[in-house]
Amino acid sequence: MNNKMAVGLVIVLVVIIGVYFLMQKQGAVTEKPGSIATKQQAAATTPNTISIKDFAFSPETLTIKVGEKVTWVNEDTATHTIKSDTFNSEGIDQGGKFEFTFNNKGTFNYSCGIHPSMQGKIVVE
């Protein structure tokens, strides 16, 4: 193999690797099944799931029907809790979850027992 051919091969490899990383950064390259990102995306798209991320509940207000279950999923590195007059959780570590079924109509305000500035609301119709 001559020098020109070797240099050309190196350039092609660099371009391919660069395109791959650019596509990955833009989200065109998907995660492998079972990876953390895939699990978090699944949690975020599951009905009645509240994500705990960046010291906030998302969505902050969730409206559901009587008898439906709500799941809180902690995507933060910090431990959080769910505290209300009606339901309370133990500490929820990163990747952990808390579930509660709402059997009565009403508006249920809650916060993080560790970080009280984190607040949310469940509206049960």
N, C-alpha and C. Protein backbone atom coordinates (compact mmCIF):
# COMPACT_ATOMS: atom_id res chain seq x y z
N MET A 1 0.86 -1.16 0.00
CA MET A 1 0.00 0.00 0.00
C MET A 1 0.91 1.23 0.00
N ASN A 2 0.62 2.16 -0.88
CA ASN A 2 1.47 3.35 -0.94
C ASN A 2 0.97 4.41 0.05
N ASN A 3 1.80 5.44 0.23
CA ASN A 3 1.49 6.49 1.21
C ASN A 3 0.20 7.23 0.90
N LYS A 4 -0.08 7.52 -0.37
CA LYS A 4 -1.30 8.24 -0.73
C LYS A 4 -2.54 7.43 -0.35
N MET A 5 -2.48 6.14 -0.57
CA MET A 5 -3.61 5.28 -0.25
C MET A 5 -3.81 5.19 1.27
N ALA A 6 -2.74 5.12 2.03
CA ALA A 6 -2.84 5.05 3.49
C ALA A 6 -3.42 6.34 4.05
N VAL A 7 -2.98 7.48 3.53
CA VAL A 7 -3.49 8.78 3.98
C VAL A 7 -4.97 8.89 3.64
N GLY A 8 -5.37 8.45 2.46
CA GLY A 8 -6.76 8.47 2.05
C GLY A 8 -7.63 7.61 2.96
N LEU A 9 -7.13 6.44 3.35
CA LEU A 9 -7.85 5.55 4.25
C LEU A 9 -8.05 6.19 5.62
N VAL A 10 -7.02 6.83 6.13
CA VAL A 10 -7.10 7.52 7.43
C VAL A 10 -8.14 8.64 7.36
N ILE A 11 -8.14 9.40 6.29
CA ILE A 11 -9.11 10.50 6.14
C ILE A 11 -10.54 9.95 6.11
N VAL A 12 -10.75 8.88 5.38
CA VAL A 12 -12.09 8.28 5.31
C VAL A 12 -12.53 7.82 6.70
N LEU A 13 -11.66 7.18 7.46
CA LEU A 13 -12.00 6.73 8.81
C LEU A 13 -12.33 7.90 9.72
N VAL A 14 -11.56 8.96 9.65
CA VAL A 14 -11.82 10.14 10.48
C VAL A 14 -13.18 10.75 10.14
N VAL A 15 -13.51 10.82 8.87
CA VAL A 15 -14.80 11.37 8.45
C VAL A 15 -15.94 10.48 8.95
N ILE A 16 -15.81 9.17 8.82
CA ILE A 16 -16.86 8.25 9.28
C ILE A 16 -17.07 8.38 10.78
N ILE A 17 -15.99 8.42 11.54
CA ILE A 17 -16.10 8.56 12.99
C ILE A 17 -16.72 9.90 13.35
N GLY A 18 -16.32 10.96 12.66
CA GLY A 18 -16.89 12.28 12.92
C GLY A 18 -18.37 12.34 12.64
N VAL A 19 -18.80 11.74 11.54
CA VAL A 19 -20.23 11.71 11.20
C VAL A 19 -21.01 10.92 12.25
N TYR A 20 -20.45 9.80 12.70
CA TYR A 20 -21.12 8.99 13.73
C TYR A 20 -21.35 9.82 15.00
N PHE A 21 -20.31 10.49 15.49
CA PHE A 21 -20.45 11.27 16.72
C PHE A 21 -21.39 12.46 16.53
N LEU A 22 -21.40 13.05 15.36
CA LEU A 22 -22.32 14.15 15.08
C LEU A 22 -23.76 13.64 15.10
N MET A 23 -24.00 12.50 14.49
CA MET A 23 -25.35 11.92 14.48
C MET A 23 -25.77 11.53 15.89
N GLN A 24 -24.84 11.01 16.68
CA GLN A 24 -25.16 10.62 18.06
C GLN A 24 -25.53 11.85 18.87
N LYS A 25 -24.80 12.93 18.69
CA LYS A 25 -25.09 14.17 19.42
C LYS A 25 -26.45 14.73 19.05
N GLN A 26 -26.87 14.57 17.80
CA GLN A 26 -28.16 15.07 17.33
C GLN A 26 -29.29 14.09 17.59
N GLY A 27 -28.97 12.93 18.17
CA GLY A 27 -30.01 11.97 18.53
C GLY A 27 -30.37 11.00 17.42
N ALA A 28 -29.62 10.99 16.33
CA ALA A 28 -29.94 10.08 15.23
C ALA A 28 -29.48 8.66 15.52
N VAL A 29 -28.52 8.50 16.41
CA VAL A 29 -28.06 7.17 16.80
C VAL A 29 -28.78 6.80 18.08
N THR A 30 -29.49 5.70 18.08
CA THR A 30 -30.29 5.31 19.24
C THR A 30 -29.48 4.47 20.20
N GLU A 31 -29.95 4.43 21.44
CA GLU A 31 -29.32 3.63 22.47
C GLU A 31 -29.67 2.16 22.28
N LYS A 32 -28.83 1.29 22.82
CA LYS A 32 -29.10 -0.14 22.78
C LYS A 32 -30.28 -0.45 23.69
N PRO A 33 -31.09 -1.46 23.33
CA PRO A 33 -32.20 -1.84 24.21
C PRO A 33 -31.69 -2.17 25.61
N GLY A 34 -32.44 -1.72 26.63
CA GLY A 34 -32.05 -2.00 28.01
C GLY A 34 -31.11 -0.98 28.59
N SER A 35 -30.67 0.00 27.80
CA SER A 35 -29.74 1.00 28.33
C SER A 35 -30.49 1.98 29.23
N ILE A 36 -29.76 2.74 30.01
CA ILE A 36 -30.37 3.70 30.93
C ILE A 36 -31.21 4.72 30.17
N ALA A 37 -30.67 5.25 29.06
CA ALA A 37 -31.41 6.26 28.31
C ALA A 37 -32.72 5.68 27.79
N THR A 38 -32.70 4.45 27.29
CA THR A 38 -33.91 3.83 26.78
C THR A 38 -34.92 3.65 27.90
N LYS A 39 -34.49 3.22 29.09
CA LYS A 39 -35.39 3.04 30.22
C LYS A 39 -35.99 4.37 30.65
N GLN A 40 -35.20 5.43 30.65
CA GLN A 40 -35.71 6.73 31.04
C GLN A 40 -36.71 7.24 30.01
N GLN A 41 -36.45 7.01 28.71
CA GLN A 41 -37.39 7.43 27.69
C GLN A 41 -38.70 6.68 27.83
N ALA A 42 -38.62 5.37 28.15
CA ALA A 42 -39.83 4.57 28.33
C ALA A 42 -40.62 5.09 29.52
N ALA A 43 -39.92 5.43 30.61
CA ALA A 43 -40.61 5.95 31.79
C ALA A 43 -41.30 7.27 31.48
N ALA A 44 -40.64 8.11 30.70
CA ALA A 44 -41.20 9.42 30.40
C ALA A 44 -42.44 9.32 29.51
N THR A 45 -42.56 8.23 28.73
CA THR A 45 -43.70 8.10 27.83
C THR A 45 -44.80 7.22 28.40
N THR A 46 -44.59 6.62 29.56
CA THR A 46 -45.62 5.79 30.19
C THR A 46 -46.70 6.70 30.76
N PRO A 47 -47.98 6.36 30.53
CA PRO A 47 -49.06 7.20 31.04
C PRO A 47 -48.97 7.37 32.56
N ASN A 48 -49.31 8.56 33.02
CA ASN A 48 -49.37 8.87 34.45
C ASN A 48 -48.03 8.70 35.15
N THR A 49 -46.95 9.00 34.45
CA THR A 49 -45.62 8.95 35.04
C THR A 49 -45.11 10.37 35.22
N ILE A 50 -44.58 10.62 36.40
CA ILE A 50 -43.98 11.92 36.71
C ILE A 50 -42.49 11.71 36.86
N SER A 51 -41.74 12.46 36.10
CA SER A 51 -40.29 12.39 36.15
C SER A 51 -39.76 13.35 37.22
N ILE A 52 -38.83 12.87 38.01
CA ILE A 52 -38.14 13.72 38.99
C ILE A 52 -36.76 13.96 38.41
N LYS A 53 -36.53 15.17 37.95
CA LYS A 53 -35.28 15.47 37.25
C LYS A 53 -34.93 16.94 37.45
N ASP A 54 -33.67 17.22 37.66
CA ASP A 54 -33.19 18.60 37.86
C ASP A 54 -33.95 19.28 39.00
N PHE A 55 -34.21 18.49 40.07
CA PHE A 55 -34.89 19.00 41.27
C PHE A 55 -36.24 19.61 40.94
N ALA A 56 -36.99 18.91 40.06
CA ALA A 56 -38.34 19.35 39.68
C ALA A 56 -39.18 18.13 39.32
N PHE A 57 -40.50 18.25 39.45
CA PHE A 57 -41.44 17.23 39.02
C PHE A 57 -41.94 17.61 37.63
N SER A 58 -41.97 16.65 36.72
CA SER A 58 -42.43 16.93 35.37
C SER A 58 -43.33 15.80 34.89
N PRO A 59 -44.59 16.09 34.59
CA PRO A 59 -45.21 17.41 34.66
C PRO A 59 -45.45 17.83 36.11
N GLU A 60 -45.53 19.12 36.32
CA GLU A 60 -45.77 19.64 37.66
C GLU A 60 -47.21 19.37 38.10
N THR A 61 -48.14 19.42 37.16
CA THR A 61 -49.54 19.09 37.42
C THR A 61 -49.96 17.97 36.48
N LEU A 62 -50.59 16.94 37.05
CA LEU A 62 -51.06 15.80 36.26
C LEU A 62 -52.53 15.59 36.57
N THR A 63 -53.35 15.47 35.51
CA THR A 63 -54.78 15.21 35.67
C THR A 63 -55.06 13.77 35.27
N ILE A 64 -55.75 13.05 36.17
CA ILE A 64 -56.05 11.63 35.94
C ILE A 64 -57.50 11.34 36.29
N LYS A 65 -57.92 10.12 36.08
CA LYS A 65 -59.26 9.66 36.44
C LYS A 65 -59.19 8.88 37.76
N VAL A 66 -60.32 8.81 38.47
CA VAL A 66 -60.40 8.03 39.71
C VAL A 66 -59.99 6.58 39.42
N GLY A 67 -59.18 6.01 40.29
CA GLY A 67 -58.74 4.63 40.16
C GLY A 67 -57.44 4.45 39.39
N GLU A 68 -56.90 5.54 38.84
CA GLU A 68 -55.65 5.43 38.08
C GLU A 68 -54.45 5.54 39.01
N LYS A 69 -53.37 4.90 38.60
CA LYS A 69 -52.13 4.89 39.35
C LYS A 69 -51.17 5.91 38.76
N VAL A 70 -50.44 6.59 39.63
CA VAL A 70 -49.39 7.53 39.22
C VAL A 70 -48.05 6.95 39.67
N THR A 71 -47.06 7.05 38.80
CA THR A 71 -45.72 6.57 39.11
C THR A 71 -44.74 7.73 39.02
N TRP A 72 -43.99 7.94 40.09
CA TRP A 72 -42.91 8.93 40.11
C TRP A 72 -41.61 8.17 39.88
N VAL A 73 -40.77 8.65 38.94
CA VAL A 73 -39.50 8.01 38.63
C VAL A 73 -38.38 9.02 38.87
N ASN A 74 -37.41 8.65 39.72
CA ASN A 74 -36.32 9.56 40.05
C ASN A 74 -35.19 9.43 39.03
N GLU A 75 -34.99 10.48 38.25
CA GLU A 75 -33.91 10.54 37.28
C GLU A 75 -32.77 11.44 37.75
N ASP A 76 -32.87 11.93 38.99
CA ASP A 76 -31.81 12.75 39.58
C ASP A 76 -30.79 11.85 40.27
N THR A 77 -29.62 12.41 40.54
CA THR A 77 -28.63 11.67 41.32
C THR A 77 -28.95 11.77 42.81
N ALA A 78 -29.70 12.79 43.20
CA ALA A 78 -30.07 12.98 44.61
C ALA A 78 -31.29 12.13 44.95
N THR A 79 -31.39 11.75 46.21
CA THR A 79 -32.57 11.04 46.71
C THR A 79 -33.69 12.05 46.93
N HIS A 80 -34.92 11.63 46.61
CA HIS A 80 -36.10 12.47 46.81
C HIS A 80 -37.18 11.66 47.51
N THR A 81 -38.17 12.34 48.05
CA THR A 81 -39.35 11.69 48.62
C THR A 81 -40.59 12.39 48.09
N ILE A 82 -41.72 11.70 48.21
CA ILE A 82 -43.00 12.30 47.86
C ILE A 82 -43.76 12.46 49.17
N LYS A 83 -44.16 13.69 49.47
CA LYS A 83 -44.82 13.98 50.75
C LYS A 83 -46.11 14.75 50.50
N SER A 84 -47.22 14.23 51.05
CA SER A 84 -48.50 14.92 50.95
C SER A 84 -49.33 14.58 52.18
N ASP A 85 -50.52 15.16 52.26
CA ASP A 85 -51.43 14.84 53.36
C ASP A 85 -52.03 13.44 53.19
N THR A 86 -52.02 12.92 51.96
CA THR A 86 -52.69 11.65 51.65
C THR A 86 -51.73 10.49 51.41
N PHE A 87 -50.57 10.75 50.85
CA PHE A 87 -49.62 9.68 50.49
C PHE A 87 -48.19 10.17 50.72
N ASN A 88 -47.33 9.23 51.10
CA ASN A 88 -45.92 9.56 51.36
C ASN A 88 -45.05 8.39 50.91
N SER A 89 -43.87 8.71 50.43
CA SER A 89 -42.93 7.67 50.01
C SER A 89 -41.74 7.65 50.96
N GLU A 90 -41.03 6.56 50.91
CA GLU A 90 -39.70 6.48 51.50
C GLU A 90 -38.77 7.23 50.56
N GLY A 91 -37.49 7.26 50.85
CA GLY A 91 -36.52 7.87 49.95
C GLY A 91 -36.48 7.13 48.62
N ILE A 92 -36.50 7.88 47.54
CA ILE A 92 -36.43 7.30 46.19
C ILE A 92 -35.07 7.64 45.62
N ASP A 93 -34.22 6.64 45.49
CA ASP A 93 -32.89 6.85 44.94
C ASP A 93 -32.95 6.94 43.42
N GLN A 94 -31.84 7.33 42.80
CA GLN A 94 -31.77 7.43 41.35
C GLN A 94 -32.20 6.11 40.71
N GLY A 95 -33.10 6.20 39.73
CA GLY A 95 -33.61 5.01 39.05
C GLY A 95 -34.77 4.35 39.76
N GLY A 96 -35.05 4.78 41.00
CA GLY A 96 -36.14 4.21 41.77
C GLY A 96 -37.48 4.85 41.42
N LYS A 97 -38.55 4.23 41.93
CA LYS A 97 -39.88 4.77 41.64
C LYS A 97 -40.79 4.60 42.85
N PHE A 98 -41.86 5.38 42.84
CA PHE A 98 -42.91 5.31 43.84
C PHE A 98 -44.24 5.34 43.09
N GLU A 99 -45.18 4.48 43.50
CA GLU A 99 -46.48 4.41 42.85
C GLU A 99 -47.59 4.61 43.87
N PHE A 100 -48.66 5.27 43.43
CA PHE A 100 -49.82 5.47 44.29
C PHE A 100 -51.06 5.48 43.41
N THR A 101 -52.11 4.76 43.85
CA THR A 101 -53.38 4.72 43.13
C THR A 101 -54.36 5.68 43.81
N PHE A 102 -54.97 6.55 43.00
CA PHE A 102 -55.89 7.56 43.50
C PHE A 102 -57.32 7.06 43.35
N ASN A 103 -57.97 6.78 44.47
CA ASN A 103 -59.32 6.23 44.46
C ASN A 103 -60.40 7.26 44.78
N ASN A 104 -60.01 8.51 44.98
CA ASN A 104 -60.98 9.57 45.30
C ASN A 104 -60.71 10.79 44.42
N LYS A 105 -61.81 11.48 44.07
CA LYS A 105 -61.67 12.74 43.33
C LYS A 105 -61.05 13.79 44.23
N GLY A 106 -60.41 14.76 43.60
CA GLY A 106 -59.86 15.87 44.36
C GLY A 106 -58.56 16.37 43.78
N THR A 107 -58.02 17.36 44.44
CA THR A 107 -56.72 17.91 44.07
C THR A 107 -55.75 17.58 45.19
N PHE A 108 -54.64 16.96 44.84
CA PHE A 108 -53.67 16.48 45.81
C PHE A 108 -52.33 17.17 45.56
N ASN A 109 -51.99 18.10 46.45
CA ASN A 109 -50.70 18.78 46.38
C ASN A 109 -49.65 17.92 47.07
N TYR A 110 -48.45 17.94 46.53
CA TYR A 110 -47.35 17.18 47.14
C TYR A 110 -46.05 17.94 46.94
N SER A 111 -45.04 17.53 47.69
CA SER A 111 -43.71 18.12 47.57
C SER A 111 -42.68 17.04 47.84
N CYS A 112 -41.43 17.40 47.69
CA CYS A 112 -40.34 16.51 48.10
C CYS A 112 -40.08 16.81 49.56
N GLY A 113 -40.12 15.78 50.40
CA GLY A 113 -39.89 15.98 51.83
C GLY A 113 -38.47 16.44 52.15
N ILE A 114 -37.53 16.17 51.24
CA ILE A 114 -36.14 16.58 51.45
C ILE A 114 -35.89 17.96 50.86
N HIS A 115 -36.53 18.26 49.75
CA HIS A 115 -36.35 19.53 49.04
C HIS A 115 -37.74 20.18 48.87
N PRO A 116 -38.24 20.89 49.89
CA PRO A 116 -39.61 21.41 49.88
C PRO A 116 -39.95 22.37 48.74
N SER A 117 -38.93 22.94 48.10
CA SER A 117 -39.22 23.83 46.97
C SER A 117 -39.72 23.05 45.75
N MET A 118 -39.51 21.75 45.74
CA MET A 118 -40.03 20.89 44.67
C MET A 118 -41.49 20.59 44.99
N GLN A 119 -42.41 21.07 44.15
CA GLN A 119 -43.84 20.89 44.41
C GLN A 119 -44.56 20.42 43.17
N GLY A 120 -45.63 19.67 43.39
CA GLY A 120 -46.45 19.18 42.29
C GLY A 120 -47.89 19.02 42.71
N LYS A 121 -48.73 18.64 41.74
CA LYS A 121 -50.16 18.52 42.01
C LYS A 121 -50.75 17.41 41.14
N ILE A 122 -51.60 16.59 41.77
CA ILE A 122 -52.38 15.59 41.04
C ILE A 122 -53.84 16.00 41.12
N VAL A 123 -54.50 16.13 39.98
CA VAL A 123 -55.92 16.45 39.92
C VAL A 123 -56.64 15.17 39.48
N VAL A 124 -57.53 14.68 40.34
CA VAL A 124 -58.27 13.45 40.08
C VAL A 124 -59.71 13.81 39.78
N GLU A 125 -60.14 13.47 38.57
CA GLU A 125 -61.51 13.80 38.12
C GLU A 125 -62.42 12.61 38.23
